[in-house]
Amino acid sequence: MGEEMTVDELAARTGFTVRTVRFYAGRGLLPPPRLKGRTGLYGPDHLARLELVRELQSLGLTLAAIEKQLERIPADAPPDDLALRRALLSPWAPEETEELDRHELDRRAGRHLDDGALAKLEALGIAERTRAGTVRVISPALLQMGAELSAMPLDALVAAHAAVERHTTELAAELQAVFQETVVRPYRERGRPPEDRERLLDLAAKLKPLMIQSLVGSFQRAVDRAIRRSVPDD
């Protein structure tokens, strides 16, 4: 039956509280535990489902949307299938947001950021102010670069950010469709063989850095071409 855990052990393994685990179980996100006397025992399938729930939460899905996702998964789905779903749904942004006070924000940015500069960081999607007066840094890796760009006019930053968001949204949707059609659908049509599952997991892990590097390289070449076209032949 694999490793079995009490609800306390399951909560410790997943990082959820016991109360949250029981709440999710009550909402049907987890199948019932195996009862041993009056103790409920949870196995690898429960662990895999909770890890999938965490991935879906990190994507910003509401509880209702998460419930709909899990309703599509058979109750007897093995942990390996759940792990594959989690790998395919895991967010591409590895950074975690940070909440900083203004003094620490200035220290991280390497310069003083007044309200005008902070408004420009918000326009770039790098940071946002909270009601508590702190600043939530959405992309810590881009903070210093964003602080340098804050010297640009706000209108230029807003327009540039909107253009990037528009085109990357369209690109992401197209790439997702290509991956589903050429990789995931054939895997499902072959009956989800275990040997293909391992290859698909490996591909999903390698695809993210490859696509990011490819996107950066393609964008650099496209900008170079745009600059050359803007220069008169004479």
C-alpha atoms as a PDB file:
ATOM      1  CA  MET A   1       0.000   0.000   0.000  1.00  0.00           C
ATOM      2  CA  GLY A   2       3.066   2.242   0.010  1.00  0.00           C
ATOM      3  CA  GLU A   3       4.020   4.666   2.713  1.00  0.00           C
ATOM      4  CA  GLU A   4       1.129   5.693   4.916  1.00  0.00           C
ATOM      5  CA  MET A   5       0.914   8.822   7.037  1.00  0.00           C
ATOM      6  CA  THR A   6      -1.347  10.340   9.641  1.00  0.00           C
ATOM      7  CA  VAL A   7      -2.945  13.671   8.832  1.00  0.00           C
ATOM      8  CA  ASP A   8      -0.261  15.399  10.925  1.00  0.00           C
ATOM      9  CA  GLU A   9       2.518  13.703   8.954  1.00  0.00           C
ATOM     10  CA  LEU A  10       0.823  14.487   5.644  1.00  0.00           C
ATOM     11  CA  ALA A  11       0.498  18.143   6.610  1.00  0.00           C
ATOM     12  CA  ALA A  12       4.172  18.298   7.593  1.00  0.00           C
ATOM     13  CA  ARG A  13       5.230  16.738   4.267  1.00  0.00           C
ATOM     14  CA  THR A  14       3.219  19.193   2.164  1.00  0.00           C
ATOM     15  CA  GLY A  15       3.610  22.388   4.179  1.00  0.00           C
ATOM     16  CA  PHE A  16      -0.140  22.747   4.687  1.00  0.00           C
ATOM     17  CA  THR A  17      -1.672  22.964   8.133  1.00  0.00           C
ATOM     18  CA  VAL A  18      -3.705  20.032   9.447  1.00  0.00           C
ATOM     19  CA  ARG A  19      -6.759  22.270   9.362  1.00  0.00           C
ATOM     20  CA  THR A  20      -6.181  23.046   5.676  1.00  0.00           C
ATOM     21  CA  VAL A  21      -5.690  19.366   4.802  1.00  0.00           C
ATOM     22  CA  ARG A  22      -8.973  18.502   6.508  1.00  0.00           C
ATOM     23  CA  PHE A  23     -10.694  21.412   4.785  1.00  0.00           C
ATOM     24  CA  TYR A  24      -9.506  20.196   1.368  1.00  0.00           C
ATOM     25  CA  ALA A  25     -10.592  16.665   2.204  1.00  0.00           C
ATOM     26  CA  GLY A  26     -14.016  17.993   3.161  1.00  0.00           C
ATOM     27  CA  ARG A  27     -14.254  19.774  -0.212  1.00  0.00           C
ATOM     28  CA  GLY A  28     -13.491  16.529  -2.018  1.00  0.00           C
ATOM     29  CA  LEU A  29      -9.995  17.471  -3.176  1.00  0.00           C
ATOM     30  CA  LEU A  30      -8.658  14.324  -1.500  1.00  0.00           C
ATOM     31  CA  PRO A  31     -10.105  10.808  -1.510  1.00  0.00           C
ATOM     32  CA  PRO A  32     -11.053   9.411   1.905  1.00  0.00           C
ATOM     33  CA  PRO A  33      -8.155   8.014   3.964  1.00  0.00           C
ATOM     34  CA  ARG A  34      -7.826   4.360   4.860  1.00  0.00           C
ATOM     35  CA  LEU A  35      -9.170   3.876   8.357  1.00  0.00           C
ATOM     36  CA  LYS A  36      -7.174   1.909  10.894  1.00  0.00           C
ATOM     37  CA  GLY A  37      -9.361   1.908  13.956  1.00  0.00           C
ATOM     38  CA  ARG A  38     -10.207   5.573  14.435  1.00  0.00           C
ATOM     39  CA  THR A  39      -7.064   6.829  12.681  1.00  0.00           C
ATOM     40  CA  GLY A  40      -7.146   7.942   9.069  1.00  0.00           C
ATOM     41  CA  LEU A  41      -4.080   6.928   7.067  1.00  0.00           C
ATOM     42  CA  TYR A  42      -3.005   8.783   3.926  1.00  0.00           C
ATOM     43  CA  GLY A  43      -0.802   7.448   1.145  1.00  0.00           C
ATOM     44  CA  PRO A  44       1.329   8.645  -1.798  1.00  0.00           C
ATOM     45  CA  ASP A  45      -1.790   9.469  -3.835  1.00  0.00           C
ATOM     46  CA  HIS A  46      -2.959  11.940  -1.179  1.00  0.00           C
ATOM     47  CA  LEU A  47       0.513  13.459  -1.050  1.00  0.00           C
ATOM     48  CA  ALA A  48       0.625  13.817  -4.845  1.00  0.00           C
ATOM     49  CA  ARG A  49      -2.801  15.451  -4.938  1.00  0.00           C
ATOM     50  CA  LEU A  50      -1.841  18.013  -2.307  1.00  0.00           C
ATOM     51  CA  GLU A  51       1.368  18.816  -4.203  1.00  0.00           C
ATOM     52  CA  LEU A  52      -0.746  19.333  -7.324  1.00  0.00           C
ATOM     53  CA  VAL A  53      -3.059  21.642  -5.367  1.00  0.00           C
ATOM     54  CA  ARG A  54      -0.024  23.703  -4.326  1.00  0.00           C
ATOM     55  CA  GLU A  55       1.119  24.046  -7.943  1.00  0.00           C
ATOM     56  CA  LEU A  56      -2.351  25.161  -9.004  1.00  0.00           C
ATOM     57  CA  GLN A  57      -2.424  27.698  -6.181  1.00  0.00           C
ATOM     58  CA  SER A  58       0.945  29.102  -7.282  1.00  0.00           C
ATOM     59  CA  LEU A  59      -0.595  29.684 -10.723  1.00  0.00           C
ATOM     60  CA  GLY A  60      -3.166  31.920  -9.050  1.00  0.00           C
ATOM     61  CA  LEU A  61      -6.148  29.590  -9.516  1.00  0.00           C
ATOM     62  CA  THR A  62      -9.115  30.016  -7.210  1.00  0.00           C
ATOM     63  CA  LEU A  63     -10.308  27.156  -5.040  1.00  0.00           C
ATOM     64  CA  ALA A  64     -13.291  26.674  -7.357  1.00  0.00           C
ATOM     65  CA  ALA A  65     -10.985  26.374 -10.383  1.00  0.00           C
ATOM     66  CA  ILE A  66      -8.745  23.919  -8.519  1.00  0.00           C
ATOM     67  CA  GLU A  67     -11.767  21.795  -7.650  1.00  0.00           C
ATOM     68  CA  LYS A  68     -12.764  21.666 -11.319  1.00  0.00           C
ATOM     69  CA  GLN A  69      -9.238  20.593 -12.277  1.00  0.00           C
ATOM     70  CA  LEU A  70      -9.202  17.775  -9.722  1.00  0.00           C
ATOM     71  CA  GLU A  71     -12.691  16.619 -10.705  1.00  0.00           C
ATOM     72  CA  ARG A  72     -11.230  15.620 -14.086  1.00  0.00           C
ATOM     73  CA  ILE A  73      -8.695  13.301 -12.445  1.00  0.00           C
ATOM     74  CA  PRO A  74      -9.911   9.748 -11.687  1.00  0.00           C
ATOM     75  CA  ALA A  75     -10.038   8.938  -7.988  1.00  0.00           C
ATOM     76  CA  ASP A  76      -7.728   5.953  -8.570  1.00  0.00           C
ATOM     77  CA  ALA A  77      -5.128   7.915 -10.574  1.00  0.00           C
ATOM     78  CA  PRO A  78      -1.644   6.725  -9.524  1.00  0.00           C
ATOM     79  CA  PRO A  79       0.823   9.191  -7.950  1.00  0.00           C
ATOM     80  CA  ASP A  80       2.997   9.090 -11.089  1.00  0.00           C
ATOM     81  CA  ASP A  81       0.134  10.452 -13.209  1.00  0.00           C
ATOM     82  CA  LEU A  82      -0.461  13.211 -10.668  1.00  0.00           C
ATOM     83  CA  ALA A  83       3.256  14.045 -10.664  1.00  0.00           C
ATOM     84  CA  LEU A  84       3.154  14.376 -14.450  1.00  0.00           C
ATOM     85  CA  ARG A  85       0.182  16.713 -14.298  1.00  0.00           C
ATOM     86  CA  ARG A  86       2.011  18.784 -11.675  1.00  0.00           C
ATOM     87  CA  ALA A  87       5.147  18.967 -13.839  1.00  0.00           C
ATOM     88  CA  LEU A  88       3.143  20.128 -16.847  1.00  0.00           C
ATOM     89  CA  LEU A  89       1.281  22.756 -14.818  1.00  0.00           C
ATOM     90  CA  SER A  90       4.136  24.025 -12.656  1.00  0.00           C
ATOM     91  CA  PRO A  91       4.771  27.761 -13.026  1.00  0.00           C
ATOM     92  CA  TRP A  92       7.674  28.880 -15.180  1.00  0.00           C
ATOM     93  CA  ALA A  93       8.656  31.746 -12.885  1.00  0.00           C
ATOM     94  CA  PRO A  94      10.952  30.273 -10.193  1.00  0.00           C
ATOM     95  CA  GLU A  95      11.083  33.480  -8.146  1.00  0.00           C
ATOM     96  CA  GLU A  96       9.075  34.029  -5.005  1.00  0.00           C
ATOM     97  CA  THR A  97       7.698  37.461  -4.244  1.00  0.00           C
ATOM     98  CA  GLU A  98       9.165  39.437  -1.357  1.00  0.00           C
ATOM     99  CA  GLU A  99       7.514  42.062   0.819  1.00  0.00           C
ATOM    100  CA  LEU A 100       9.913  44.854   1.782  1.00  0.00           C
ATOM    101  CA  ASP A 101       9.726  48.155   3.622  1.00  0.00           C
ATOM    102  CA  ARG A 102      10.883  51.233   1.734  1.00  0.00           C
ATOM    103  CA  HIS A 103      14.305  51.280   3.384  1.00  0.00           C
ATOM    104  CA  GLU A 104      15.040  47.677   2.414  1.00  0.00           C
ATOM    105  CA  LEU A 105      13.626  48.315  -1.060  1.00  0.00           C
ATOM    106  CA  ASP A 106      16.104  51.169  -1.563  1.00  0.00           C
ATOM    107  CA  ARG A 107      18.953  48.987  -0.322  1.00  0.00           C
ATOM    108  CA  ARG A 108      18.054  46.158  -2.712  1.00  0.00           C
ATOM    109  CA  ALA A 109      17.615  48.555  -5.629  1.00  0.00           C
ATOM    110  CA  GLY A 110      20.936  50.268  -4.929  1.00  0.00           C
ATOM    111  CA  ARG A 111      19.359  53.726  -4.993  1.00  0.00           C
ATOM    112  CA  HIS A 112      16.557  55.743  -3.433  1.00  0.00           C
ATOM    113  CA  LEU A 113      13.209  55.106  -5.086  1.00  0.00           C
ATOM    114  CA  ASP A 114      10.720  57.930  -4.664  1.00  0.00           C
ATOM    115  CA  ASP A 115       6.998  57.517  -5.324  1.00  0.00           C
ATOM    116  CA  GLY A 116       7.466  58.357  -8.998  1.00  0.00           C
ATOM    117  CA  ALA A 117      10.110  55.663  -9.463  1.00  0.00           C
ATOM    118  CA  LEU A 118       7.950  53.179  -7.576  1.00  0.00           C
ATOM    119  CA  ALA A 119       5.011  53.969  -9.865  1.00  0.00           C
ATOM    120  CA  LYS A 120       7.236  53.076 -12.817  1.00  0.00           C
ATOM    121  CA  LEU A 121       8.236  49.769 -11.196  1.00  0.00           C
ATOM    122  CA  GLU A 122       4.523  49.035 -10.842  1.00  0.00           C
ATOM    123  CA  ALA A 123       3.995  49.862 -14.511  1.00  0.00           C
ATOM    124  CA  LEU A 124       6.709  47.335 -15.388  1.00  0.00           C
ATOM    125  CA  GLY A 125       5.078  44.650 -13.236  1.00  0.00           C
ATOM    126  CA  ILE A 126       8.156  44.436 -11.000  1.00  0.00           C
ATOM    127  CA  ALA A 127       6.639  45.696  -7.740  1.00  0.00           C
ATOM    128  CA  GLU A 128       3.381  46.837  -6.187  1.00  0.00           C
ATOM    129  CA  ARG A 129       2.492  48.810  -3.088  1.00  0.00           C
ATOM    130  CA  THR A 130       0.446  47.163  -0.339  1.00  0.00           C
ATOM    131  CA  ARG A 131      -2.153  48.645   1.972  1.00  0.00           C
ATOM    132  CA  ALA A 132       0.267  48.164   4.864  1.00  0.00           C
ATOM    133  CA  GLY A 133       2.681  50.637   3.295  1.00  0.00           C
ATOM    134  CA  THR A 134       5.220  48.008   2.281  1.00  0.00           C
ATOM    135  CA  VAL A 135       6.192  47.060  -1.250  1.00  0.00           C
ATOM    136  CA  ARG A 136       5.650  43.591  -2.710  1.00  0.00           C
ATOM    137  CA  VAL A 137       8.475  42.839  -5.139  1.00  0.00           C
ATOM    138  CA  ILE A 138       7.023  40.491  -7.750  1.00  0.00           C
ATOM    139  CA  SER A 139      10.298  39.931  -9.585  1.00  0.00           C
ATOM    140  CA  PRO A 140      13.300  40.384  -7.239  1.00  0.00           C
ATOM    141  CA  ALA A 141      15.762  39.500 -10.023  1.00  0.00           C
ATOM    142  CA  LEU A 142      14.576  42.488 -12.078  1.00  0.00           C
ATOM    143  CA  LEU A 143      14.519  45.013  -9.231  1.00  0.00           C
ATOM    144  CA  GLN A 144      17.878  46.690  -9.868  1.00  0.00           C
ATOM    145  CA  MET A 145      17.389  46.773 -13.634  1.00  0.00           C
ATOM    146  CA  GLY A 146      13.897  48.181 -13.139  1.00  0.00           C
ATOM    147  CA  ALA A 147      15.281  50.857 -10.833  1.00  0.00           C
ATOM    148  CA  GLU A 148      17.630  51.955 -13.630  1.00  0.00           C
ATOM    149  CA  LEU A 149      14.801  51.976 -16.163  1.00  0.00           C
ATOM    150  CA  SER A 150      12.693  54.152 -13.854  1.00  0.00           C
ATOM    151  CA  ALA A 151      14.600  57.133 -15.242  1.00  0.00           C
ATOM    152  CA  MET A 152      12.629  56.690 -18.481  1.00  0.00           C
ATOM    153  CA  PRO A 153       9.308  58.518 -19.028  1.00  0.00           C
ATOM    154  CA  LEU A 154       6.349  56.669 -17.539  1.00  0.00           C
ATOM    155  CA  ASP A 155       4.404  56.668 -20.835  1.00  0.00           C
ATOM    156  CA  ALA A 156       7.295  54.906 -22.580  1.00  0.00           C
ATOM    157  CA  LEU A 157       7.513  52.239 -19.859  1.00  0.00           C
ATOM    158  CA  VAL A 158       3.767  51.612 -19.871  1.00  0.00           C
ATOM    159  CA  ALA A 159       3.671  51.271 -23.669  1.00  0.00           C
ATOM    160  CA  ALA A 160       6.715  48.988 -23.746  1.00  0.00           C
ATOM    161  CA  HIS A 161       5.373  46.765 -20.973  1.00  0.00           C
ATOM    162  CA  ALA A 162       1.962  46.519 -22.664  1.00  0.00           C
ATOM    163  CA  ALA A 163       3.605  45.476 -25.944  1.00  0.00           C
ATOM    164  CA  VAL A 164       5.666  42.775 -24.225  1.00  0.00           C
ATOM    165  CA  GLU A 165       2.644  41.466 -22.309  1.00  0.00           C
ATOM    166  CA  ARG A 166       0.480  41.354 -25.432  1.00  0.00           C
ATOM    167  CA  HIS A 167       2.939  39.446 -27.575  1.00  0.00           C
ATOM    168  CA  THR A 168       4.198  37.066 -24.874  1.00  0.00           C
ATOM    169  CA  THR A 169       0.596  36.189 -23.966  1.00  0.00           C
ATOM    170  CA  GLU A 170      -0.117  35.250 -27.566  1.00  0.00           C
ATOM    171  CA  LEU A 171       3.163  33.338 -27.838  1.00  0.00           C
ATOM    172  CA  ALA A 172       2.524  31.406 -24.624  1.00  0.00           C
ATOM    173  CA  ALA A 173      -0.946  30.354 -25.793  1.00  0.00           C
ATOM    174  CA  GLU A 174       0.425  29.170 -29.148  1.00  0.00           C
ATOM    175  CA  LEU A 175       3.304  27.227 -27.576  1.00  0.00           C
ATOM    176  CA  GLN A 176       0.936  25.624 -25.063  1.00  0.00           C
ATOM    177  CA  ALA A 177      -1.307  24.481 -27.916  1.00  0.00           C
ATOM    178  CA  VAL A 178       1.674  23.069 -29.835  1.00  0.00           C
ATOM    179  CA  PHE A 179       2.907  21.128 -26.786  1.00  0.00           C
ATOM    180  CA  GLN A 180      -0.545  19.718 -26.048  1.00  0.00           C
ATOM    181  CA  GLU A 181      -1.093  18.671 -29.663  1.00  0.00           C
ATOM    182  CA  THR A 182       2.330  17.216 -30.450  1.00  0.00           C
ATOM    183  CA  VAL A 183       3.388  15.775 -27.087  1.00  0.00           C
ATOM    184  CA  VAL A 184       0.586  15.369 -24.552  1.00  0.00           C
ATOM    185  CA  ARG A 185      -2.207  14.193 -26.885  1.00  0.00           C
ATOM    186  CA  PRO A 186      -0.118  11.370 -28.470  1.00  0.00           C
ATOM    187  CA  TYR A 187       0.916  10.251 -24.985  1.00  0.00           C
ATOM    188  CA  ARG A 188      -2.717   9.997 -23.922  1.00  0.00           C
ATOM    189  CA  GLU A 189      -3.718   8.249 -27.141  1.00  0.00           C
ATOM    190  CA  ARG A 190      -1.034   5.599 -26.521  1.00  0.00           C
ATOM    191  CA  GLY A 191      -2.675   4.813 -23.190  1.00  0.00           C
ATOM    192  CA  ARG A 192      -0.214   6.708 -20.971  1.00  0.00           C
ATOM    193  CA  PRO A 193       2.550   4.035 -20.988  1.00  0.00           C
ATOM    194  CA  PRO A 194       4.902   4.333 -17.946  1.00  0.00           C
ATOM    195  CA  GLU A 195       8.043   4.534 -20.122  1.00  0.00           C
ATOM    196  CA  ASP A 196       6.560   7.489 -22.031  1.00  0.00           C
ATOM    197  CA  ARG A 197       5.580   9.159 -18.765  1.00  0.00           C
ATOM    198  CA  GLU A 198       9.217   9.307 -17.650  1.00  0.00           C
ATOM    199  CA  ARG A 199      10.290  10.779 -20.986  1.00  0.00           C
ATOM    200  CA  LEU A 200       7.508  13.351 -20.799  1.00  0.00           C
ATOM    201  CA  LEU A 201       8.519  14.370 -17.267  1.00  0.00           C
ATOM    202  CA  ASP A 202      12.112  14.770 -18.421  1.00  0.00           C
ATOM    203  CA  LEU A 203      11.018  16.789 -21.439  1.00  0.00           C
ATOM    204  CA  ALA A 204       8.845  19.091 -19.339  1.00  0.00           C
ATOM    205  CA  ALA A 205      11.769  19.797 -16.992  1.00  0.00           C
ATOM    206  CA  LYS A 206      14.179  20.558 -19.851  1.00  0.00           C
ATOM    207  CA  LEU A 207      11.722  22.506 -21.972  1.00  0.00           C
ATOM    208  CA  LYS A 208      11.408  25.515 -19.678  1.00  0.00           C
ATOM    209  CA  PRO A 209      15.041  26.724 -19.681  1.00  0.00           C
ATOM    210  CA  LEU A 210      15.368  25.836 -23.369  1.00  0.00           C
ATOM    211  CA  MET A 211      12.311  27.868 -24.363  1.00  0.00           C
ATOM    212  CA  ILE A 212      13.362  30.839 -22.212  1.00  0.00           C
ATOM    213  CA  GLN A 213      16.838  30.896 -23.762  1.00  0.00           C
ATOM    214  CA  SER A 214      15.330  30.489 -27.226  1.00  0.00           C
ATOM    215  CA  LEU A 215      12.898  33.355 -26.601  1.00  0.00           C
ATOM    216  CA  VAL A 216      15.651  35.700 -25.396  1.00  0.00           C
ATOM    217  CA  GLY A 217      17.893  34.819 -28.351  1.00  0.00           C
ATOM    218  CA  SER A 218      15.090  35.203 -30.901  1.00  0.00           C
ATOM    219  CA  PHE A 219      14.059  38.536 -29.414  1.00  0.00           C
ATOM    220  CA  GLN A 220      17.631  39.851 -29.537  1.00  0.00           C
ATOM    221  CA  ARG A 221      17.928  38.914 -33.209  1.00  0.00           C
ATOM    222  CA  ALA A 222      14.524  40.431 -33.975  1.00  0.00           C
ATOM    223  CA  VAL A 223      15.536  43.725 -32.344  1.00  0.00           C
ATOM    224  CA  ASP A 224      18.751  43.759 -34.377  1.00  0.00           C
ATOM    225  CA  ARG A 225      16.743  43.240 -37.577  1.00  0.00           C
ATOM    226  CA  ALA A 226      14.327  46.012 -36.598  1.00  0.00           C
ATOM    227  CA  ILE A 227      17.240  48.399 -35.982  1.00  0.00           C
ATOM    228  CA  ARG A 228      18.820  47.578 -39.344  1.00  0.00           C
ATOM    229  CA  ARG A 229      15.510  48.170 -41.127  1.00  0.00           C
ATOM    230  CA  SER A 230      15.183  51.565 -39.429  1.00  0.00           C
ATOM    231  CA  VAL A 231      18.541  52.743 -40.828  1.00  0.00           C
ATOM    232  CA  PRO A 232      18.278  54.335 -44.330  1.00  0.00           C
ATOM    233  CA  ASP A 233      20.205  52.486 -47.062  1.00  0.00           C
ATOM    234  CA  ASP A 234      22.094  55.636 -48.001  1.00  0.00           C
END
